Amino acid sequence: TKDNKTFSFDVKSLKKSNRSDSNTDSNIHWIEI
């Protein structure tokens, strides 16, 4: 909330491209349909 306006957020951290990967991949994101 700022200036009497409120916005809502869903926060998504970095994810791996594949579950077997050891590190996250900042080049991609997964979107849940």
PDB file of all heavy atoms in Angstrom:
ATOM      1  N   THR A   1       0.844  -1.190   0.000  1.00  0.00           N
ATOM      2  CA  THR A   1       0.000   0.000   0.000  1.00  0.00           C
ATOM      3  C   THR A   1       0.878   1.239   0.000  1.00  0.00           C
ATOM      4  O   THR A   1       1.802   1.357   0.795  1.00  0.00           O
ATOM      5  CB  THR A   1      -0.932   0.018   1.234  1.00  0.00           C
ATOM      6  OG1 THR A   1      -1.708  -1.188   1.235  1.00  0.00           O
ATOM      7  CG2 THR A   1      -1.865   1.214   1.198  1.00  0.00           C
ATOM      8  N   LYS A   2       0.568   2.132  -0.943  1.00  0.00           N
ATOM      9  CA  LYS A   2       1.260   3.423  -1.036  1.00  0.00           C
ATOM     10  C   LYS A   2       0.274   4.434  -1.617  1.00  0.00           C
ATOM     11  O   LYS A   2      -0.451   4.108  -2.566  1.00  0.00           O
ATOM     12  CB  LYS A   2       2.497   3.319  -1.924  1.00  0.00           C
ATOM     13  CG  LYS A   2       3.284   4.611  -1.969  1.00  0.00           C
ATOM     14  CD  LYS A   2       4.537   4.500  -2.789  1.00  0.00           C
ATOM     15  CE  LYS A   2       5.229   5.864  -2.815  1.00  0.00           C
ATOM     16  NZ  LYS A   2       6.354   5.887  -3.710  1.00  0.00           N
ATOM     17  N   ASP A   3       0.259   5.626  -1.055  1.00  0.00           N
ATOM     18  CA  ASP A   3      -0.624   6.701  -1.539  1.00  0.00           C
ATOM     19  C   ASP A   3      -2.084   6.238  -1.621  1.00  0.00           C
ATOM     20  O   ASP A   3      -2.775   6.481  -2.612  1.00  0.00           O
ATOM     21  CB  ASP A   3      -0.156   7.221  -2.904  1.00  0.00           C
ATOM     22  CG  ASP A   3       1.257   7.757  -2.866  1.00  0.00           C
ATOM     23  OD1 ASP A   3       1.683   8.244  -1.804  1.00  0.00           O
ATOM     24  OD2 ASP A   3       1.949   7.684  -3.908  1.00  0.00           O
ATOM     25  N   ASN A   4      -2.521   5.525  -0.590  1.00  0.00           N
ATOM     26  CA  ASN A   4      -3.903   5.028  -0.498  1.00  0.00           C
ATOM     27  C   ASN A   4      -4.299   4.070  -1.621  1.00  0.00           C
ATOM     28  O   ASN A   4      -5.484   3.881  -1.883  1.00  0.00           O
ATOM     29  CB  ASN A   4      -4.906   6.188  -0.425  1.00  0.00           C
ATOM     30  CG  ASN A   4      -4.749   6.981   0.851  1.00  0.00           C
ATOM     31  OD1 ASN A   4      -4.545   6.404   1.923  1.00  0.00           O
ATOM     32  ND2 ASN A   4      -4.818   8.295   0.744  1.00  0.00           N
ATOM     33  N   LYS A   5      -3.315   3.489  -2.298  1.00  0.00           N
ATOM     34  CA  LYS A   5      -3.590   2.465  -3.314  1.00  0.00           C
ATOM     35  C   LYS A   5      -2.931   1.175  -2.846  1.00  0.00           C
ATOM     36  O   LYS A   5      -1.807   1.192  -2.340  1.00  0.00           O
ATOM     37  CB  LYS A   5      -3.027   2.869  -4.675  1.00  0.00           C
ATOM     38  CG  LYS A   5      -3.738   4.037  -5.303  1.00  0.00           C
ATOM     39  CD  LYS A   5      -3.135   4.361  -6.660  1.00  0.00           C
ATOM     40  CE  LYS A   5      -3.700   5.668  -7.176  1.00  0.00           C
ATOM     41  NZ  LYS A   5      -2.801   6.327  -8.100  1.00  0.00           N
ATOM     42  N   THR A   6      -3.625   0.057  -3.035  1.00  0.00           N
ATOM     43  CA  THR A   6      -3.092  -1.244  -2.618  1.00  0.00           C
ATOM     44  C   THR A   6      -2.992  -2.175  -3.825  1.00  0.00           C
ATOM     45  O   THR A   6      -3.926  -2.257  -4.625  1.00  0.00           O
ATOM     46  CB  THR A   6      -3.982  -1.877  -1.529  1.00  0.00           C
ATOM     47  OG1 THR A   6      -4.009  -0.996  -0.402  1.00  0.00           O
ATOM     48  CG2 THR A   6      -3.448  -3.227  -1.087  1.00  0.00           C
ATOM     49  N   PHE A   7      -1.850  -2.837  -3.931  1.00  0.00           N
ATOM     50  CA  PHE A   7      -1.596  -3.792  -5.006  1.00  0.00           C
ATOM     51  C   PHE A   7      -1.224  -5.131  -4.380  1.00  0.00           C
ATOM     52  O   PHE A   7      -0.545  -5.176  -3.353  1.00  0.00           O
ATOM     53  CB  PHE A   7      -0.452  -3.299  -5.900  1.00  0.00           C
ATOM     54  CG  PHE A   7      -0.709  -1.946  -6.494  1.00  0.00           C
ATOM     55  CD1 PHE A   7      -0.224  -0.801  -5.874  1.00  0.00           C
ATOM     56  CD2 PHE A   7      -1.439  -1.815  -7.662  1.00  0.00           C
ATOM     57  CE1 PHE A   7      -0.474   0.461  -6.411  1.00  0.00           C
ATOM     58  CE2 PHE A   7      -1.689  -0.564  -8.205  1.00  0.00           C
ATOM     59  CZ  PHE A   7      -1.206   0.583  -7.580  1.00  0.00           C
ATOM     60  N   SER A   8      -1.653  -6.205  -5.026  1.00  0.00           N
ATOM     61  CA  SER A   8      -1.361  -7.549  -4.511  1.00  0.00           C
ATOM     62  C   SER A   8      -0.322  -8.237  -5.385  1.00  0.00           C
ATOM     63  O   SER A   8      -0.264  -8.008  -6.598  1.00  0.00           O
ATOM     64  CB  SER A   8      -2.646  -8.380  -4.450  1.00  0.00           C
ATOM     65  OG  SER A   8      -3.286  -8.410  -5.712  1.00  0.00           O
ATOM     66  N   PHE A   9       0.498  -9.084  -4.738  1.00  0.00           N
ATOM     67  CA  PHE A   9       1.609  -9.756  -5.414  1.00  0.00           C
ATOM     68  C   PHE A   9       1.656 -11.239  -5.088  1.00  0.00           C
ATOM     69  O   PHE A   9       1.427 -11.641  -3.948  1.00  0.00           O
ATOM     70  CB  PHE A   9       2.952  -9.147  -4.964  1.00  0.00           C
ATOM     71  CG  PHE A   9       3.160  -7.733  -5.417  1.00  0.00           C
ATOM     72  CD1 PHE A   9       2.705  -6.676  -4.643  1.00  0.00           C
ATOM     73  CD2 PHE A   9       3.798  -7.457  -6.611  1.00  0.00           C
ATOM     74  CE1 PHE A   9       2.899  -5.365  -5.051  1.00  0.00           C
ATOM     75  CE2 PHE A   9       3.987  -6.149  -7.026  1.00  0.00           C
ATOM     76  CZ  PHE A   9       3.537  -5.104  -6.246  1.00  0.00           C
ATOM     77  N   ASP A  10       1.995 -12.019  -6.098  1.00  0.00           N
ATOM     78  CA  ASP A  10       2.376 -13.415  -5.921  1.00  0.00           C
ATOM     79  C   ASP A  10       3.863 -13.445  -6.266  1.00  0.00           C
ATOM     80  O   ASP A  10       4.265 -12.989  -7.343  1.00  0.00           O
ATOM     81  CB  ASP A  10       1.568 -14.313  -6.856  1.00  0.00           C
ATOM     82  CG  ASP A  10       1.668 -15.791  -6.512  1.00  0.00           C
ATOM     83  OD1 ASP A  10       2.343 -16.140  -5.522  1.00  0.00           O
ATOM     84  OD2 ASP A  10       1.061 -16.604  -7.236  1.00  0.00           O
ATOM     85  N   VAL A  11       4.696 -13.926  -5.351  1.00  0.00           N
ATOM     86  CA  VAL A  11       6.149 -13.847  -5.479  1.00  0.00           C
ATOM     87  C   VAL A  11       6.711 -15.177  -5.959  1.00  0.00           C
ATOM     88  O   VAL A  11       6.427 -16.224  -5.359  1.00  0.00           O
ATOM     89  CB  VAL A  11       6.787 -13.440  -4.129  1.00  0.00           C
ATOM     90  CG1 VAL A  11       8.300 -13.374  -4.240  1.00  0.00           C
ATOM     91  CG2 VAL A  11       6.215 -12.103  -3.654  1.00  0.00           C
ATOM     92  N   LYS A  12       7.505 -15.141  -7.031  1.00  0.00           N
ATOM     93  CA  LYS A  12       8.087 -16.354  -7.617  1.00  0.00           C
ATOM     94  C   LYS A  12       9.606 -16.257  -7.622  1.00  0.00           C
ATOM     95  O   LYS A  12      10.186 -15.406  -8.296  1.00  0.00           O
ATOM     96  CB  LYS A  12       7.578 -16.547  -9.062  1.00  0.00           C
ATOM     97  CG  LYS A  12       6.068 -16.660  -9.169  1.00  0.00           C
ATOM     98  CD  LYS A  12       5.556 -17.854  -8.413  1.00  0.00           C
ATOM     99  CE  LYS A  12       4.044 -17.875  -8.336  1.00  0.00           C
ATOM    100  NZ  LYS A  12       3.587 -18.880  -7.368  1.00  0.00           N
ATOM    101  N   SER A  13      10.232 -17.143  -6.880  1.00  0.00           N
ATOM    102  CA  SER A  13      11.697 -17.173  -6.825  1.00  0.00           C
ATOM    103  C   SER A  13      12.250 -17.898  -8.045  1.00  0.00           C
ATOM    104  O   SER A  13      11.503 -18.504  -8.825  1.00  0.00           O
ATOM    105  CB  SER A  13      12.155 -17.868  -5.543  1.00  0.00           C
ATOM    106  OG  SER A  13      11.720 -19.205  -5.543  1.00  0.00           O
ATOM    107  N   LEU A  14      13.563 -17.841  -8.201  1.00  0.00           N
ATOM    108  CA  LEU A  14      14.237 -18.564  -9.284  1.00  0.00           C
ATOM    109  C   LEU A  14      13.975 -20.061  -9.152  1.00  0.00           C
ATOM    110  O   LEU A  14      13.897 -20.592  -8.045  1.00  0.00           O
ATOM    111  CB  LEU A  14      15.739 -18.309  -9.251  1.00  0.00           C
ATOM    112  CG  LEU A  14      16.192 -16.938  -9.729  1.00  0.00           C
ATOM    113  CD1 LEU A  14      17.668 -16.725  -9.404  1.00  0.00           C
ATOM    114  CD2 LEU A  14      15.955 -16.789 -11.221  1.00  0.00           C
ATOM    115  N   LYS A  15      13.836 -20.725 -10.292  1.00  0.00           N
ATOM    116  CA  LYS A  15      13.604 -22.170 -10.318  1.00  0.00           C
ATOM    117  C   LYS A  15      14.634 -22.833 -11.224  1.00  0.00           C
ATOM    118  O   LYS A  15      15.289 -22.185 -12.024  1.00  0.00           O
ATOM    119  CB  LYS A  15      12.201 -22.478 -10.875  1.00  0.00           C
ATOM    120  CG  LYS A  15      11.054 -21.853 -10.108  1.00  0.00           C
ATOM    121  CD  LYS A  15      10.820 -22.524  -8.783  1.00  0.00           C
ATOM    122  CE  LYS A  15       9.541 -22.078  -8.118  1.00  0.00           C
ATOM    123  NZ  LYS A  15       9.593 -20.816  -7.419  1.00  0.00           N
ATOM    124  N   LYS A  16      14.708 -24.151 -11.110  1.00  0.00           N
ATOM    125  CA  LYS A  16      15.565 -24.939 -11.991  1.00  0.00           C
ATOM    126  C   LYS A  16      14.829 -25.174 -13.301  1.00  0.00           C
ATOM    127  O   LYS A  16      13.598 -25.216 -13.342  1.00  0.00           O
ATOM    128  CB  LYS A  16      15.871 -26.291 -11.346  1.00  0.00           C
ATOM    129  CG  LYS A  16      16.628 -26.195 -10.038  1.00  0.00           C
ATOM    130  CD  LYS A  16      16.782 -27.585  -9.439  1.00  0.00           C
ATOM    131  CE  LYS A  16      17.502 -27.523  -8.112  1.00  0.00           C
ATOM    132  NZ  LYS A  16      17.680 -28.861  -7.540  1.00  0.00           N
ATOM    133  N   SER A  17      15.573 -25.350 -14.374  1.00  0.00           N
ATOM    134  CA  SER A  17      14.963 -25.698 -15.648  1.00  0.00           C
ATOM    135  C   SER A  17      14.467 -27.145 -15.608  1.00  0.00           C
ATOM    136  O   SER A  17      13.403 -27.469 -16.108  1.00  0.00           O
ATOM    137  CB  SER A  17      15.966 -25.503 -16.785  1.00  0.00           C
ATOM    138  OG  SER A  17      15.329 -25.698 -18.025  1.00  0.00           O
ATOM    139  N   ASN A  18      15.260 -28.009 -14.963  1.00  0.00           N
ATOM    140  CA  ASN A  18      14.893 -29.410 -14.770  1.00  0.00           C
ATOM    141  C   ASN A  18      15.125 -29.761 -13.304  1.00  0.00           C
ATOM    142  O   ASN A  18      16.071 -29.264 -12.692  1.00  0.00           O
ATOM    143  CB  ASN A  18      15.759 -30.332 -15.636  1.00  0.00           C
ATOM    144  CG  ASN A  18      15.540 -30.086 -17.108  1.00  0.00           C
ATOM    145  OD1 ASN A  18      14.493 -30.394 -17.649  1.00  0.00           O
ATOM    146  ND2 ASN A  18      16.531 -29.495 -17.755  1.00  0.00           N
ATOM    147  N   ARG A  19      14.299 -30.634 -12.747  1.00  0.00           N
ATOM    148  CA  ARG A  19      14.450 -31.013 -11.339  1.00  0.00           C
ATOM    149  C   ARG A  19      15.835 -31.567 -11.031  1.00  0.00           C
ATOM    150  O   ARG A  19      16.336 -31.399  -9.939  1.00  0.00           O
ATOM    151  CB  ARG A  19      13.407 -32.064 -10.956  1.00  0.00           C
ATOM    152  CG  ARG A  19      12.068 -31.469 -10.718  1.00  0.00           C
ATOM    153  CD  ARG A  19      11.061 -32.512 -10.299  1.00  0.00           C
ATOM    154  NE  ARG A  19       9.820 -31.813  -9.999  1.00  0.00           N
ATOM    155  CZ  ARG A  19       9.126 -31.981  -8.892  1.00  0.00           C
ATOM    156  NH1 ARG A  19       9.499 -32.844  -8.000  1.00  0.00           N
ATOM    157  NH2 ARG A  19       8.036 -31.297  -8.693  1.00  0.00           N
ATOM    158  N   SER A  20      16.444 -32.224 -12.007  1.00  0.00           N
ATOM    159  CA  SER A  20      17.751 -32.848 -11.789  1.00  0.00           C
ATOM    160  C   SER A  20      18.905 -31.832 -11.800  1.00  0.00           C
ATOM    161  O   SER A  20      20.006 -32.157 -11.393  1.00  0.00           O
ATOM    162  CB  SER A  20      17.997 -33.920 -12.848  1.00  0.00           C
ATOM    163  OG  SER A  20      17.939 -33.335 -14.138  1.00  0.00           O
ATOM    164  N   ASP A  21      18.622 -30.606 -12.272  1.00  0.00           N
ATOM    165  CA  ASP A  21      19.677 -29.580 -12.305  1.00  0.00           C
ATOM    166  C   ASP A  21      20.127 -29.249 -10.889  1.00  0.00           C
ATOM    167  O   ASP A  21      19.327 -29.258  -9.952  1.00  0.00           O
ATOM    168  CB  ASP A  21      19.171 -28.300 -12.982  1.00  0.00           C
ATOM    169  CG  ASP A  21      18.874 -28.494 -14.461  1.00  0.00           C
ATOM    170  OD1 ASP A  21      19.248 -29.545 -15.008  1.00  0.00           O
ATOM    171  OD2 ASP A  21      18.252 -27.590 -15.045  1.00  0.00           O
ATOM    172  N   SER A  22      21.396 -28.925 -10.737  1.00  0.00           N
ATOM    173  CA  SER A  22      21.894 -28.572  -9.406  1.00  0.00           C
ATOM    174  C   SER A  22      21.657 -27.099  -9.078  1.00  0.00           C
ATOM    175  O   SER A  22      21.575 -26.730  -7.920  1.00  0.00           O
ATOM    176  CB  SER A  22      23.369 -28.937  -9.264  1.00  0.00           C
ATOM    177  OG  SER A  22      24.109 -28.415 -10.332  1.00  0.00           O
ATOM    178  N   ASN A  23      21.516 -26.250 -10.095  1.00  0.00           N
ATOM    179  CA  ASN A  23      21.340 -24.814  -9.862  1.00  0.00           C
ATOM    180  C   ASN A  23      20.082 -24.281 -10.533  1.00  0.00           C
ATOM    181  O   ASN A  23      19.577 -24.878 -11.488  1.00  0.00           O
ATOM    182  CB  ASN A  23      22.548 -24.040 -10.401  1.00  0.00           C
ATOM    183  CG  ASN A  23      23.817 -24.369  -9.650  1.00  0.00           C
ATOM    184  OD1 ASN A  23      23.836 -24.421  -8.430  1.00  0.00           O
ATOM    185  ND2 ASN A  23      24.883 -24.616 -10.395  1.00  0.00           N
ATOM    186  N   THR A  24      19.627 -23.128 -10.035  1.00  0.00           N
ATOM    187  CA  THR A  24      18.491 -22.467 -10.666  1.00  0.00           C
ATOM    188  C   THR A  24      18.937 -21.870 -11.999  1.00  0.00           C
ATOM    189  O   THR A  24      20.119 -21.697 -12.242  1.00  0.00           O
ATOM    190  CB  THR A  24      17.931 -21.349  -9.757  1.00  0.00           C
ATOM    191  OG1 THR A  24      18.978 -20.433  -9.451  1.00  0.00           O
ATOM    192  CG2 THR A  24      17.342 -21.925  -8.472  1.00  0.00           C
ATOM    193  N   ASP A  25      17.952 -21.552 -12.840  1.00  0.00           N
ATOM    194  CA  ASP A  25      18.224 -21.012 -14.175  1.00  0.00           C
ATOM    195  C   ASP A  25      17.506 -19.669 -14.307  1.00  0.00           C
ATOM    196  O   ASP A  25      16.280 -19.628 -14.399  1.00  0.00           O
ATOM    197  CB  ASP A  25      17.728 -22.007 -15.227  1.00  0.00           C
ATOM    198  CG  ASP A  25      18.048 -21.581 -16.645  1.00  0.00           C
ATOM    199  OD1 ASP A  25      18.429 -20.416 -16.869  1.00  0.00           O
ATOM    200  OD2 ASP A  25      17.900 -22.427 -17.546  1.00  0.00           O
ATOM    201  N   SER A  26      18.266 -18.589 -14.314  1.00  0.00           N
ATOM    202  CA  SER A  26      17.646 -17.261 -14.367  1.00  0.00           C
ATOM    203  C   SER A  26      17.120 -16.906 -15.766  1.00  0.00           C
ATOM    204  O   SER A  26      16.493 -15.868 -15.930  1.00  0.00           O
ATOM    205  CB  SER A  26      18.624 -16.194 -13.890  1.00  0.00           C
ATOM    206  OG  SER A  26      19.704 -16.098 -14.787  1.00  0.00           O
ATOM    207  N   ASN A  27      17.350 -17.777 -16.737  1.00  0.00           N
ATOM    208  CA  ASN A  27      16.863 -17.516 -18.094  1.00  0.00           C
ATOM    209  C   ASN A  27      15.429 -17.970 -18.323  1.00  0.00           C
ATOM    210  O   ASN A  27      14.833 -17.640 -19.342  1.00  0.00           O
ATOM    211  CB  ASN A  27      17.763 -18.211 -19.126  1.00  0.00           C
ATOM    212  CG  ASN A  27      19.165 -17.645 -19.103  1.00  0.00           C
ATOM    213  OD1 ASN A  27      19.348 -16.440 -19.210  1.00  0.00           O
ATOM    214  ND2 ASN A  27      20.141 -18.509 -18.925  1.00  0.00           N
ATOM    215  N   ILE A  28      14.895 -18.761 -17.381  1.00  0.00           N
ATOM    216  CA  ILE A  28      13.535 -19.287 -17.553  1.00  0.00           C
ATOM    217  C   ILE A  28      12.723 -19.108 -16.274  1.00  0.00           C
ATOM    218  O   ILE A  28      13.270 -18.904 -15.185  1.00  0.00           O
ATOM    219  CB  ILE A  28      13.535 -20.789 -17.948  1.00  0.00           C
ATOM    220  CG1 ILE A  28      14.188 -21.669 -16.858  1.00  0.00           C
ATOM    221  CG2 ILE A  28      14.218 -21.010 -19.286  1.00  0.00           C
ATOM    222  CD1 ILE A  28      13.212 -22.304 -15.904  1.00  0.00           C
ATOM    223  N   HIS A  29      11.418 -19.190 -16.427  1.00  0.00           N
ATOM    224  CA  HIS A  29      10.478 -19.281 -15.296  1.00  0.00           C
ATOM    225  C   HIS A  29       9.376 -20.242 -15.701  1.00  0.00           C
ATOM    226  O   HIS A  29       9.060 -20.388 -16.887  1.00  0.00           O
ATOM    227  CB  HIS A  29       9.893 -17.915 -14.944  1.00  0.00           C
ATOM    228  CG  HIS A  29      10.795 -17.109 -14.080  1.00  0.00           C
ATOM    229  ND1 HIS A  29      10.854 -17.262 -12.718  1.00  0.00           N
ATOM    230  CD2 HIS A  29      11.696 -16.160 -14.377  1.00  0.00           C
ATOM    231  CE1 HIS A  29      11.744 -16.439 -12.214  1.00  0.00           C
ATOM    232  NE2 HIS A  29      12.281 -15.756 -13.212  1.00  0.00           N
ATOM    233  N   TRP A  30       8.803 -20.904 -14.713  1.00  0.00           N
ATOM    234  CA  TRP A  30       7.687 -21.825 -14.935  1.00  0.00           C
ATOM    235  C   TRP A  30       6.400 -21.120 -14.541  1.00  0.00           C
ATOM    236  O   TRP A  30       6.312 -20.503 -13.489  1.00  0.00           O
ATOM    237  CB  TRP A  30       7.858 -23.084 -14.090  1.00  0.00           C
ATOM    238  CG  TRP A  30       8.958 -23.978 -14.555  1.00  0.00           C
ATOM    239  CD1 TRP A  30      10.233 -24.059 -14.059  1.00  0.00           C
ATOM    240  CD2 TRP A  30       8.890 -24.937 -15.612  1.00  0.00           C
ATOM    241  NE1 TRP A  30      10.951 -25.002 -14.747  1.00  0.00           N
ATOM    242  CE2 TRP A  30      10.154 -25.564 -15.704  1.00  0.00           C
ATOM    243  CE3 TRP A  30       7.883 -25.328 -16.498  1.00  0.00           C
ATOM    244  CZ2 TRP A  30      10.424 -26.562 -16.635  1.00  0.00           C
ATOM    245  CZ3 TRP A  30       8.159 -26.317 -17.425  1.00  0.00           C
ATOM    246  CH2 TRP A  30       9.426 -26.925 -17.495  1.00  0.00           C
ATOM    247  N   ILE A  31       5.377 -21.220 -15.393  1.00  0.00           N
ATOM    248  CA  ILE A  31       4.074 -20.615 -15.137  1.00  0.00           C
ATOM    249  C   ILE A  31       3.076 -21.750 -14.903  1.00  0.00           C
ATOM    250  O   ILE A  31       2.955 -22.653 -15.734  1.00  0.00           O
ATOM    251  CB  ILE A  31       3.601 -19.764 -16.343  1.00  0.00           C
ATOM    252  CG1 ILE A  31       4.707 -18.803 -16.815  1.00  0.00           C
ATOM    253  CG2 ILE A  31       2.293 -19.051 -16.020  1.00  0.00           C
ATOM    254  CD1 ILE A  31       5.210 -17.826 -15.792  1.00  0.00           C
ATOM    255  N   GLU A  32       2.367 -21.679 -13.776  1.00  0.00           N
ATOM    256  CA  GLU A  32       1.416 -22.735 -13.422  1.00  0.00           C
ATOM    257  C   GLU A  32       0.043 -22.441 -14.026  1.00  0.00           C
ATOM    258  O   GLU A  32      -0.612 -21.478 -13.661  1.00  0.00           O
ATOM    259  CB  GLU A  32       1.307 -22.832 -11.894  1.00  0.00           C
ATOM    260  CG  GLU A  32       0.417 -23.953 -11.423  1.00  0.00           C
ATOM    261  CD  GLU A  32       0.222 -23.921  -9.924  1.00  0.00           C
ATOM    262  OE1 GLU A  32      -0.448 -22.981  -9.429  1.00  0.00           O
ATOM    263  OE2 GLU A  32       0.748 -24.824  -9.251  1.00  0.00           O
ATOM    264  N   ILE A  33      -0.363 -23.305 -14.965  1.00  0.00           N
ATOM    265  CA  ILE A  33      -1.665 -23.190 -15.627  1.00  0.00           C
ATOM    266  C   ILE A  33      -2.734 -23.913 -14.794  1.00  0.00           C
ATOM    267  O   ILE A  33      -3.813 -23.393 -14.561  1.00  0.00           O
ATOM    268  CB  ILE A  33      -1.608 -23.785 -17.056  1.00  0.00           C
ATOM    269  CG1 ILE A  33      -0.460 -23.143 -17.874  1.00  0.00           C
ATOM    270  CG2 ILE A  33      -2.953 -23.656 -17.761  1.00  0.00           C
ATOM    271  CD1 ILE A  33      -0.556 -21.649 -18.068  1.00  0.00           C
TER     272      ILE A  33
END
